[in-house]
Amino acid sequence: LVMATPFIRLMGGKEAIATPRYTEEELRTLVEIGEEQGAIEGVEASLVASALAFDDTPVSAVLTPRVDIVAIHEDSPLEAVLKLIAEQGYSRLPVLRENIDDIVGILHVKDLLIALSRREPIDLAAWIRPAYSVPENKKLHELLKEMQTQGIEMAIVSDEYGGTAGLVTQEDILEQIVGELRDEYDDEQDAIRKIREGVAQVDGMTAIAELNNELDLELPVNGYQTIGGLVINSLGRVAKVGDVLEPTAGVRVTVKALKGIRVQQVLVEYAPLSGVGDVEHKGG
């Protein structure tokens, strides 16, 4: 493993013309010394340590296992595919022929959205890109380099028998280095954030059951699980920022942000079941 310029900057030094090459053990020692002397903060030290361990990590350590893969069949109806995209928010979906061990390609949602925006006839088969397959014992650093060089965002991981072990994305690989740090040190925005009495900002992927429990509501569940799914189902089309609906009496939901066609954030104005009075509506 070679860490040059970024490591020198972490240590507070200047970049040299000829960058020295360190062994992994030497780098670990330098990190420990830098942390003791205060030259490297705890977060930075953890990041370097994760990067060092990354070199020997196989793909199997970070893949999404086959049982958790969300995929579509090559003959899936367009309506079903769009509903799945809106509900789950995926940007890429594996495409199956017979079963999970027979993945014929990857559907990129942005390709589909471009075709829809142009009002072109939609033939899903025409938008399926070839799948990139790798063995589960491949090293992460090797795969990341290949994916970045070839512009690949998702790879199908094969087991020793040629079946599908799972899938992995560039994000999964990078998460191996920075994911735990983000969870530990970043202030993640709450899925449900109460702005004031009777008004909450809600992540589109928030479960209806959780929202009902947190805000004392009775939003219906009918073929969807999330507030974003409720919005799409109620509208009967792809949502737009500014769309407003009233799924139940005393509850007003406004779409505030989208990610692709997925509802990313909504504003919920409500009168709790245990409360008194109507929801206060402001603006249009």
C-alpha atoms as a PDB file:
ATOM      1  CA  LEU A   1       0.000   0.000   0.000  1.00  0.00           C
ATOM      2  CA  VAL A   2       1.300   3.435  -0.897  1.00  0.00           C
ATOM      3  CA  MET A   3      -0.130   6.581   0.659  1.00  0.00           C
ATOM      4  CA  ALA A   4       1.565   9.737  -0.456  1.00  0.00           C
ATOM      5  CA  THR A   5       0.229  13.280  -0.716  1.00  0.00           C
ATOM      6  CA  PRO A   6      -3.002  12.869   1.299  1.00  0.00           C
ATOM      7  CA  PHE A   7      -1.088  11.337   4.193  1.00  0.00           C
ATOM      8  CA  ILE A   8       1.524  14.096   4.181  1.00  0.00           C
ATOM      9  CA  ARG A   9      -1.225  16.707   4.299  1.00  0.00           C
ATOM     10  CA  LEU A  10      -2.891  14.880   7.189  1.00  0.00           C
ATOM     11  CA  MET A  11       0.378  15.069   9.093  1.00  0.00           C
ATOM     12  CA  GLY A  12       0.515  18.820   8.529  1.00  0.00           C
ATOM     13  CA  GLY A  13       3.622  18.710   6.370  1.00  0.00           C
ATOM     14  CA  LYS A  14       4.279  19.983   2.856  1.00  0.00           C
ATOM     15  CA  GLU A  15       4.198  17.919  -0.258  1.00  0.00           C
ATOM     16  CA  ALA A  16       7.685  16.943  -1.367  1.00  0.00           C
ATOM     17  CA  ILE A  17       8.849  16.598  -4.942  1.00  0.00           C
ATOM     18  CA  ALA A  18       9.880  12.989  -4.334  1.00  0.00           C
ATOM     19  CA  THR A  19       7.231  11.386  -2.112  1.00  0.00           C
ATOM     20  CA  PRO A  20       8.587   8.686   0.233  1.00  0.00           C
ATOM     21  CA  ARG A  21       6.967   5.230   0.149  1.00  0.00           C
ATOM     22  CA  TYR A  22       6.056   3.637   3.466  1.00  0.00           C
ATOM     23  CA  THR A  23       5.237   0.086   4.447  1.00  0.00           C
ATOM     24  CA  GLU A  24       1.886  -0.524   6.121  1.00  0.00           C
ATOM     25  CA  GLU A  25       3.558  -1.006   9.512  1.00  0.00           C
ATOM     26  CA  GLU A  26       5.490   2.253   9.158  1.00  0.00           C
ATOM     27  CA  LEU A  27       2.296   4.099   8.294  1.00  0.00           C
ATOM     28  CA  ARG A  28       0.514   2.685  11.328  1.00  0.00           C
ATOM     29  CA  THR A  29       3.372   3.828  13.546  1.00  0.00           C
ATOM     30  CA  LEU A  30       3.320   7.317  12.017  1.00  0.00           C
ATOM     31  CA  VAL A  31      -0.421   7.552  12.568  1.00  0.00           C
ATOM     32  CA  GLU A  32      -0.060   6.567  16.227  1.00  0.00           C
ATOM     33  CA  ILE A  33       2.694   9.137  16.778  1.00  0.00           C
ATOM     34  CA  GLY A  34       0.738  11.838  14.948  1.00  0.00           C
ATOM     35  CA  GLU A  35      -2.344  11.157  17.054  1.00  0.00           C
ATOM     36  CA  GLU A  36      -0.350  11.259  20.297  1.00  0.00           C
ATOM     37  CA  GLN A  37       1.242  14.576  19.316  1.00  0.00           C
ATOM     38  CA  GLY A  38      -2.075  16.062  18.237  1.00  0.00           C
ATOM     39  CA  ALA A  39      -1.058  16.400  14.591  1.00  0.00           C
ATOM     40  CA  ILE A  40      -3.774  13.943  13.565  1.00  0.00           C
ATOM     41  CA  GLU A  41      -7.293  14.164  14.950  1.00  0.00           C
ATOM     42  CA  GLY A  42      -9.172  11.057  16.047  1.00  0.00           C
ATOM     43  CA  VAL A  43     -11.374  11.059  12.955  1.00  0.00           C
ATOM     44  CA  GLU A  44      -8.377  11.390  10.643  1.00  0.00           C
ATOM     45  CA  ALA A  45      -6.526   8.591  12.428  1.00  0.00           C
ATOM     46  CA  SER A  46      -9.550   6.306  12.092  1.00  0.00           C
ATOM     47  CA  LEU A  47      -9.827   7.161   8.410  1.00  0.00           C
ATOM     48  CA  VAL A  48      -6.190   6.274   7.742  1.00  0.00           C
ATOM     49  CA  ALA A  49      -6.545   3.041   9.728  1.00  0.00           C
ATOM     50  CA  SER A  50      -9.597   2.084   7.653  1.00  0.00           C
ATOM     51  CA  ALA A  51      -7.701   2.824   4.449  1.00  0.00           C
ATOM     52  CA  LEU A  52      -4.855   0.582   5.557  1.00  0.00           C
ATOM     53  CA  ALA A  53      -7.188  -2.330   6.296  1.00  0.00           C
ATOM     54  CA  PHE A  54      -9.005  -1.732   2.991  1.00  0.00           C
ATOM     55  CA  ASP A  55      -6.102  -3.154   0.975  1.00  0.00           C
ATOM     56  CA  ASP A  56      -6.750  -6.750   2.076  1.00  0.00           C
ATOM     57  CA  THR A  57     -10.545  -6.709   2.184  1.00  0.00           C
ATOM     58  CA  PRO A  58     -12.386  -9.004  -0.277  1.00  0.00           C
ATOM     59  CA  VAL A  59     -15.573  -8.042  -2.094  1.00  0.00           C
ATOM     60  CA  SER A  60     -17.488 -10.639  -0.065  1.00  0.00           C
ATOM     61  CA  ALA A  61     -17.047  -8.463   3.046  1.00  0.00           C
ATOM     62  CA  VAL A  62     -19.216  -5.609   1.753  1.00  0.00           C
ATOM     63  CA  LEU A  63     -21.584  -7.072  -0.833  1.00  0.00           C
ATOM     64  CA  THR A  64     -25.353  -6.978  -0.585  1.00  0.00           C
ATOM     65  CA  PRO A  65     -26.245 -10.696  -0.272  1.00  0.00           C
ATOM     66  CA  ARG A  66     -28.430 -12.352  -2.885  1.00  0.00           C
ATOM     67  CA  VAL A  67     -31.392 -12.658  -0.500  1.00  0.00           C
ATOM     68  CA  ASP A  68     -31.459  -8.857  -0.135  1.00  0.00           C
ATOM     69  CA  ILE A  69     -31.165  -7.994  -3.825  1.00  0.00           C
ATOM     70  CA  VAL A  70     -34.094  -6.039  -5.255  1.00  0.00           C
ATOM     71  CA  ALA A  71     -34.363  -6.847  -8.953  1.00  0.00           C
ATOM     72  CA  ILE A  72     -36.817  -6.905 -11.839  1.00  0.00           C
ATOM     73  CA  HIS A  73     -37.544  -9.529 -14.478  1.00  0.00           C
ATOM     74  CA  GLU A  74     -36.751  -8.640 -18.061  1.00  0.00           C
ATOM     75  CA  ASP A  75     -40.453  -8.900 -18.903  1.00  0.00           C
ATOM     76  CA  SER A  76     -41.670  -6.801 -15.943  1.00  0.00           C
ATOM     77  CA  PRO A  77     -44.433  -4.296 -16.860  1.00  0.00           C
ATOM     78  CA  LEU A  78     -43.237  -0.687 -17.023  1.00  0.00           C
ATOM     79  CA  GLU A  79     -45.827   0.388 -14.437  1.00  0.00           C
ATOM     80  CA  ALA A  80     -44.497  -2.136 -11.912  1.00  0.00           C
ATOM     81  CA  VAL A  81     -40.913  -1.015 -12.512  1.00  0.00           C
ATOM     82  CA  LEU A  82     -41.777   2.667 -12.036  1.00  0.00           C
ATOM     83  CA  LYS A  83     -43.685   1.883  -8.841  1.00  0.00           C
ATOM     84  CA  LEU A  84     -40.699  -0.049  -7.471  1.00  0.00           C
ATOM     85  CA  ILE A  85     -38.324   2.793  -8.334  1.00  0.00           C
ATOM     86  CA  ALA A  86     -40.552   5.390  -6.709  1.00  0.00           C
ATOM     87  CA  GLU A  87     -41.098   3.299  -3.589  1.00  0.00           C
ATOM     88  CA  GLN A  88     -37.525   2.096  -3.047  1.00  0.00           C
ATOM     89  CA  GLY A  89     -35.505   4.910  -4.604  1.00  0.00           C
ATOM     90  CA  TYR A  90     -32.923   2.752  -6.379  1.00  0.00           C
ATOM     91  CA  SER A  91     -30.916   4.296  -9.209  1.00  0.00           C
ATOM     92  CA  ARG A  92     -29.964   0.908 -10.708  1.00  0.00           C
ATOM     93  CA  LEU A  93     -31.747  -2.431 -10.758  1.00  0.00           C
ATOM     94  CA  PRO A  94     -30.420  -5.874 -11.730  1.00  0.00           C
ATOM     95  CA  VAL A  95     -32.514  -7.526 -14.430  1.00  0.00           C
ATOM     96  CA  LEU A  96     -33.263 -11.263 -14.187  1.00  0.00           C
ATOM     97  CA  ARG A  97     -34.285 -13.799 -16.783  1.00  0.00           C
ATOM     98  CA  GLU A  98     -35.155 -17.029 -14.952  1.00  0.00           C
ATOM     99  CA  ASN A  99     -33.919 -16.460 -11.400  1.00  0.00           C
ATOM    100  CA  ILE A 100     -31.361 -14.607  -9.264  1.00  0.00           C
ATOM    101  CA  ASP A 101     -28.544 -16.706 -10.747  1.00  0.00           C
ATOM    102  CA  ASP A 102     -29.470 -15.560 -14.239  1.00  0.00           C
ATOM    103  CA  ILE A 103     -28.855 -11.797 -14.207  1.00  0.00           C
ATOM    104  CA  VAL A 104     -28.865 -10.526 -17.776  1.00  0.00           C
ATOM    105  CA  GLY A 105     -27.980  -6.898 -17.120  1.00  0.00           C
ATOM    106  CA  ILE A 106     -28.542  -3.694 -15.182  1.00  0.00           C
ATOM    107  CA  LEU A 107     -31.287  -1.116 -15.700  1.00  0.00           C
ATOM    108  CA  HIS A 108     -30.109   2.452 -15.062  1.00  0.00           C
ATOM    109  CA  VAL A 109     -33.073   4.475 -13.858  1.00  0.00           C
ATOM    110  CA  LYS A 110     -31.736   7.701 -15.387  1.00  0.00           C
ATOM    111  CA  ASP A 111     -31.898   6.090 -18.846  1.00  0.00           C
ATOM    112  CA  LEU A 112     -35.546   5.319 -18.251  1.00  0.00           C
ATOM    113  CA  LEU A 113     -36.288   8.827 -16.982  1.00  0.00           C
ATOM    114  CA  ILE A 114     -34.662  10.422 -20.026  1.00  0.00           C
ATOM    115  CA  ALA A 115     -36.798   8.284 -22.330  1.00  0.00           C
ATOM    116  CA  LEU A 116     -39.932   9.155 -20.367  1.00  0.00           C
ATOM    117  CA  SER A 117     -39.144  12.879 -20.455  1.00  0.00           C
ATOM    118  CA  ARG A 118     -38.810  12.676 -24.234  1.00  0.00           C
ATOM    119  CA  ARG A 119     -42.102  10.773 -24.445  1.00  0.00           C
ATOM    120  CA  GLU A 120     -40.338   7.992 -26.311  1.00  0.00           C
ATOM    121  CA  PRO A 121     -41.848   4.489 -26.576  1.00  0.00           C
ATOM    122  CA  ILE A 122     -40.454   2.451 -23.685  1.00  0.00           C
ATOM    123  CA  ASP A 123     -38.984  -0.985 -24.316  1.00  0.00           C
ATOM    124  CA  LEU A 124     -37.193  -2.046 -21.131  1.00  0.00           C
ATOM    125  CA  ALA A 125     -35.050  -4.553 -22.999  1.00  0.00           C
ATOM    126  CA  ALA A 126     -33.519  -1.718 -25.019  1.00  0.00           C
ATOM    127  CA  TRP A 127     -32.356   0.037 -21.855  1.00  0.00           C
ATOM    128  CA  ILE A 128     -30.681  -2.926 -20.167  1.00  0.00           C
ATOM    129  CA  ARG A 129     -26.922  -2.491 -19.925  1.00  0.00           C
ATOM    130  CA  PRO A 130     -24.516  -5.459 -19.641  1.00  0.00           C
ATOM    131  CA  ALA A 131     -23.798  -6.600 -16.095  1.00  0.00           C
ATOM    132  CA  TYR A 132     -20.223  -6.437 -14.800  1.00  0.00           C
ATOM    133  CA  SER A 133     -19.407  -9.641 -12.907  1.00  0.00           C
ATOM    134  CA  VAL A 134     -16.582 -10.238 -10.429  1.00  0.00           C
ATOM    135  CA  PRO A 135     -15.601 -13.142  -8.119  1.00  0.00           C
ATOM    136  CA  GLU A 136     -16.389 -12.759  -4.422  1.00  0.00           C
ATOM    137  CA  ASN A 137     -12.723 -13.126  -3.414  1.00  0.00           C
ATOM    138  CA  LYS A 138     -11.592 -10.145  -5.504  1.00  0.00           C
ATOM    139  CA  LYS A 139      -9.876  -7.437  -3.441  1.00  0.00           C
ATOM    140  CA  LEU A 140     -11.863  -4.252  -2.937  1.00  0.00           C
ATOM    141  CA  HIS A 141      -9.049  -1.915  -3.927  1.00  0.00           C
ATOM    142  CA  GLU A 142      -8.673  -3.764  -7.240  1.00  0.00           C
ATOM    143  CA  LEU A 143     -12.396  -3.653  -7.962  1.00  0.00           C
ATOM    144  CA  LEU A 144     -12.690   0.018  -7.025  1.00  0.00           C
ATOM    145  CA  LYS A 145      -9.926   0.901  -9.475  1.00  0.00           C
ATOM    146  CA  GLU A 146     -11.627  -1.100 -12.244  1.00  0.00           C
ATOM    147  CA  MET A 147     -15.020   0.434 -11.562  1.00  0.00           C
ATOM    148  CA  GLN A 148     -13.697   3.979 -11.489  1.00  0.00           C
ATOM    149  CA  THR A 149     -11.613   3.472 -14.630  1.00  0.00           C
ATOM    150  CA  GLN A 150     -14.481   1.921 -16.593  1.00  0.00           C
ATOM    151  CA  GLY A 151     -17.268   4.084 -15.185  1.00  0.00           C
ATOM    152  CA  ILE A 152     -19.080   1.165 -13.541  1.00  0.00           C
ATOM    153  CA  GLU A 153     -21.326   1.854 -10.550  1.00  0.00           C
ATOM    154  CA  MET A 154     -22.642  -1.643  -9.818  1.00  0.00           C
ATOM    155  CA  ALA A 155     -21.076  -5.100 -10.125  1.00  0.00           C
ATOM    156  CA  ILE A 156     -22.650  -8.532  -9.752  1.00  0.00           C
ATOM    157  CA  VAL A 157     -20.619 -10.781  -7.448  1.00  0.00           C
ATOM    158  CA  SER A 158     -20.336 -14.464  -8.393  1.00  0.00           C
ATOM    159  CA  ASP A 159     -19.693 -17.350  -6.012  1.00  0.00           C
ATOM    160  CA  GLU A 160     -17.335 -20.251  -6.651  1.00  0.00           C
ATOM    161  CA  TYR A 161     -20.047 -22.183  -8.497  1.00  0.00           C
ATOM    162  CA  GLY A 162     -20.900 -19.367 -10.874  1.00  0.00           C
ATOM    163  CA  GLY A 163     -24.105 -18.417  -9.096  1.00  0.00           C
ATOM    164  CA  THR A 164     -24.930 -14.967  -7.771  1.00  0.00           C
ATOM    165  CA  ALA A 165     -23.440 -14.267  -4.342  1.00  0.00           C
ATOM    166  CA  GLY A 166     -24.695 -10.682  -4.262  1.00  0.00           C
ATOM    167  CA  LEU A 167     -23.951  -7.274  -5.695  1.00  0.00           C
ATOM    168  CA  VAL A 168     -21.654  -4.398  -4.813  1.00  0.00           C
ATOM    169  CA  THR A 169     -21.579  -0.711  -5.719  1.00  0.00           C
ATOM    170  CA  GLN A 170     -18.872   1.920  -5.656  1.00  0.00           C
ATOM    171  CA  GLU A 171     -20.714   3.434  -2.731  1.00  0.00           C
ATOM    172  CA  ASP A 172     -20.469   0.146  -0.815  1.00  0.00           C
ATOM    173  CA  ILE A 173     -16.727   0.065  -1.357  1.00  0.00           C
ATOM    174  CA  LEU A 174     -16.144   3.670  -0.337  1.00  0.00           C
ATOM    175  CA  GLU A 175     -18.393   3.087   2.664  1.00  0.00           C
ATOM    176  CA  GLN A 176     -15.825   0.531   3.820  1.00  0.00           C
ATOM    177  CA  ILE A 177     -13.442   3.428   4.409  1.00  0.00           C
ATOM    178  CA  VAL A 178     -15.679   6.283   5.508  1.00  0.00           C
ATOM    179  CA  GLY A 179     -19.066   4.779   6.405  1.00  0.00           C
ATOM    180  CA  GLU A 180     -18.368   3.971  10.043  1.00  0.00           C
ATOM    181  CA  LEU A 181     -16.815   7.394  10.533  1.00  0.00           C
ATOM    182  CA  ARG A 182     -19.878   9.106   9.119  1.00  0.00           C
ATOM    183  CA  ASP A 183     -22.116   7.128  11.458  1.00  0.00           C
ATOM    184  CA  GLU A 184     -19.927   7.930  14.442  1.00  0.00           C
ATOM    185  CA  TYR A 185     -19.071  11.580  13.884  1.00  0.00           C
ATOM    186  CA  ASP A 186     -21.685  13.126  11.578  1.00  0.00           C
ATOM    187  CA  ASP A 187     -24.982  14.501  12.779  1.00  0.00           C
ATOM    188  CA  GLU A 188     -27.427  12.512  10.688  1.00  0.00           C
ATOM    189  CA  GLN A 189     -30.642  14.362  10.001  1.00  0.00           C
ATOM    190  CA  ASP A 190     -33.608  12.779  11.776  1.00  0.00           C
ATOM    191  CA  ALA A 191     -36.089  10.950   9.562  1.00  0.00           C
ATOM    192  CA  ILE A 192     -38.874  12.858  11.324  1.00  0.00           C
ATOM    193  CA  ARG A 193     -38.010  16.379  12.472  1.00  0.00           C
ATOM    194  CA  LYS A 194     -40.680  18.403  14.222  1.00  0.00           C
ATOM    195  CA  ILE A 195     -40.360  22.032  13.123  1.00  0.00           C
ATOM    196  CA  ARG A 196     -43.102  23.349  15.377  1.00  0.00           C
ATOM    197  CA  GLU A 197     -46.383  22.172  16.841  1.00  0.00           C
ATOM    198  CA  GLY A 198     -48.332  20.368  14.150  1.00  0.00           C
ATOM    199  CA  VAL A 199     -45.613  20.589  11.486  1.00  0.00           C
ATOM    200  CA  ALA A 200     -42.852  18.059  10.722  1.00  0.00           C
ATOM    201  CA  GLN A 201     -40.215  17.587   8.035  1.00  0.00           C
ATOM    202  CA  VAL A 202     -40.129  13.920   7.043  1.00  0.00           C
ATOM    203  CA  ASP A 203     -37.752  11.790   4.974  1.00  0.00           C
ATOM    204  CA  GLY A 204     -39.578  10.165   2.075  1.00  0.00           C
ATOM    205  CA  MET A 205     -38.331   6.696   3.034  1.00  0.00           C
ATOM    206  CA  THR A 206     -39.860   6.915   6.516  1.00  0.00           C
ATOM    207  CA  ALA A 207     -42.172   3.997   7.256  1.00  0.00           C
ATOM    208  CA  ILE A 208     -45.864   4.871   7.566  1.00  0.00           C
ATOM    209  CA  ALA A 209     -46.047   2.871  10.800  1.00  0.00           C
ATOM    210  CA  GLU A 210     -43.192   4.893  12.286  1.00  0.00           C
ATOM    211  CA  LEU A 211     -44.764   8.184  11.193  1.00  0.00           C
ATOM    212  CA  ASN A 212     -48.157   7.238  12.609  1.00  0.00           C
ATOM    213  CA  ASN A 213     -46.580   6.284  15.911  1.00  0.00           C
ATOM    214  CA  GLU A 214     -44.348   9.361  16.165  1.00  0.00           C
ATOM    215  CA  LEU A 215     -46.956  11.964  15.195  1.00  0.00           C
ATOM    216  CA  ASP A 216     -50.059  10.184  16.510  1.00  0.00           C
ATOM    217  CA  LEU A 217     -51.654   9.841  13.065  1.00  0.00           C
ATOM    218  CA  GLU A 218     -53.667   7.223  11.188  1.00  0.00           C
ATOM    219  CA  LEU A 219     -52.206   7.399   7.687  1.00  0.00           C
ATOM    220  CA  PRO A 220     -53.406   4.457   5.579  1.00  0.00           C
ATOM    221  CA  VAL A 221     -51.185   1.607   4.385  1.00  0.00           C
ATOM    222  CA  ASN A 222     -52.406   0.158   1.106  1.00  0.00           C
ATOM    223  CA  GLY A 223     -49.767  -1.449  -1.098  1.00  0.00           C
ATOM    224  CA  TYR A 224     -46.956   0.815   0.121  1.00  0.00           C
ATOM    225  CA  GLN A 225     -44.832   1.073   3.256  1.00  0.00           C
ATOM    226  CA  THR A 226     -43.344   4.586   3.231  1.00  0.00           C
ATOM    227  CA  ILE A 227     -44.646   8.157   3.155  1.00  0.00           C
ATOM    228  CA  GLY A 228     -43.039   8.552  -0.277  1.00  0.00           C
ATOM    229  CA  GLY A 229     -44.937   5.502  -1.481  1.00  0.00           C
ATOM    230  CA  LEU A 230     -48.174   6.953  -0.112  1.00  0.00           C
ATOM    231  CA  VAL A 231     -47.573  10.164  -2.075  1.00  0.00           C
ATOM    232  CA  ILE A 232     -46.893   8.347  -5.362  1.00  0.00           C
ATOM    233  CA  ASN A 233     -49.866   6.037  -4.857  1.00  0.00           C
ATOM    234  CA  SER A 234     -52.220   8.904  -4.033  1.00  0.00           C
ATOM    235  CA  LEU A 235     -51.095  11.064  -6.962  1.00  0.00           C
ATOM    236  CA  GLY A 236     -51.166   8.196  -9.442  1.00  0.00           C
ATOM    237  CA  ARG A 237     -48.114   9.649 -11.189  1.00  0.00           C
ATOM    238  CA  VAL A 238     -44.520  10.730 -10.607  1.00  0.00           C
ATOM    239  CA  ALA A 239     -44.458  13.412  -7.915  1.00  0.00           C
ATOM    240  CA  LYS A 240     -43.332  17.014  -8.413  1.00  0.00           C
ATOM    241  CA  VAL A 241     -41.953  19.444  -5.857  1.00  0.00           C
ATOM    242  CA  GLY A 242     -44.890  21.440  -4.533  1.00  0.00           C
ATOM    243  CA  ASP A 243     -47.462  18.659  -4.931  1.00  0.00           C
ATOM    244  CA  VAL A 244     -49.945  18.687  -2.052  1.00  0.00           C
ATOM    245  CA  LEU A 245     -52.310  15.977  -0.866  1.00  0.00           C
ATOM    246  CA  GLU A 246     -54.524  15.299   2.125  1.00  0.00           C
ATOM    247  CA  PRO A 247     -54.415  11.531   2.738  1.00  0.00           C
ATOM    248  CA  THR A 248     -56.671  11.774   5.806  1.00  0.00           C
ATOM    249  CA  ALA A 249     -58.721  14.468   7.493  1.00  0.00           C
ATOM    250  CA  GLY A 250     -56.518  16.983   9.260  1.00  0.00           C
ATOM    251  CA  VAL A 251     -53.304  15.899   7.514  1.00  0.00           C
ATOM    252  CA  ARG A 252     -51.659  17.824   4.674  1.00  0.00           C
ATOM    253  CA  VAL A 253     -48.539  16.462   2.921  1.00  0.00           C
ATOM    254  CA  THR A 254     -46.416  18.692   0.673  1.00  0.00           C
ATOM    255  CA  VAL A 255     -43.586  17.346  -1.491  1.00  0.00           C
ATOM    256  CA  LYS A 256     -40.456  19.399  -0.704  1.00  0.00           C
ATOM    257  CA  ALA A 257     -37.653  17.514  -2.476  1.00  0.00           C
ATOM    258  CA  LEU A 258     -37.143  14.713  -4.989  1.00  0.00           C
ATOM    259  CA  LYS A 259     -34.203  12.455  -5.784  1.00  0.00           C
ATOM    260  CA  GLY A 260     -34.763  11.290  -9.330  1.00  0.00           C
ATOM    261  CA  ILE A 261     -38.417  10.294  -9.184  1.00  0.00           C
ATOM    262  CA  ARG A 262     -38.276   9.225  -5.548  1.00  0.00           C
ATOM    263  CA  VAL A 263     -39.908  11.461  -2.967  1.00  0.00           C
ATOM    264  CA  GLN A 264     -36.952  12.498  -0.827  1.00  0.00           C
ATOM    265  CA  GLN A 265     -38.595  14.861   1.641  1.00  0.00           C
ATOM    266  CA  VAL A 266     -42.087  16.009   2.562  1.00  0.00           C
ATOM    267  CA  LEU A 267     -43.624  18.516   4.930  1.00  0.00           C
ATOM    268  CA  VAL A 268     -46.410  17.071   7.053  1.00  0.00           C
ATOM    269  CA  GLU A 269     -48.926  19.424   8.666  1.00  0.00           C
ATOM    270  CA  TYR A 270     -51.174  17.595  11.076  1.00  0.00           C
ATOM    271  CA  ALA A 271     -53.510  17.661  14.034  1.00  0.00           C
ATOM    272  CA  PRO A 272     -52.671  14.720  16.323  1.00  0.00           C
ATOM    273  CA  LEU A 273     -55.542  12.354  17.093  1.00  0.00           C
ATOM    274  CA  SER A 274     -55.212  13.247  20.754  1.00  0.00           C
ATOM    275  CA  GLY A 275     -55.160  16.986  19.970  1.00  0.00           C
ATOM    276  CA  VAL A 276     -57.864  19.503  19.239  1.00  0.00           C
ATOM    277  CA  GLY A 277     -58.359  21.827  16.261  1.00  0.00           C
ATOM    278  CA  ASP A 278     -57.543  21.827  12.577  1.00  0.00           C
ATOM    279  CA  VAL A 279     -54.216  21.915  10.788  1.00  0.00           C
ATOM    280  CA  GLU A 280     -53.062  25.450  10.117  1.00  0.00           C
ATOM    281  CA  HIS A 281     -52.435  25.912   6.387  1.00  0.00           C
ATOM    282  CA  LYS A 282     -50.006  28.490   5.184  1.00  0.00           C
ATOM    283  CA  GLY A 283     -49.325  29.617   1.671  1.00  0.00           C
ATOM    284  CA  GLY A 284     -50.061  27.583  -1.401  1.00  0.00           C
END
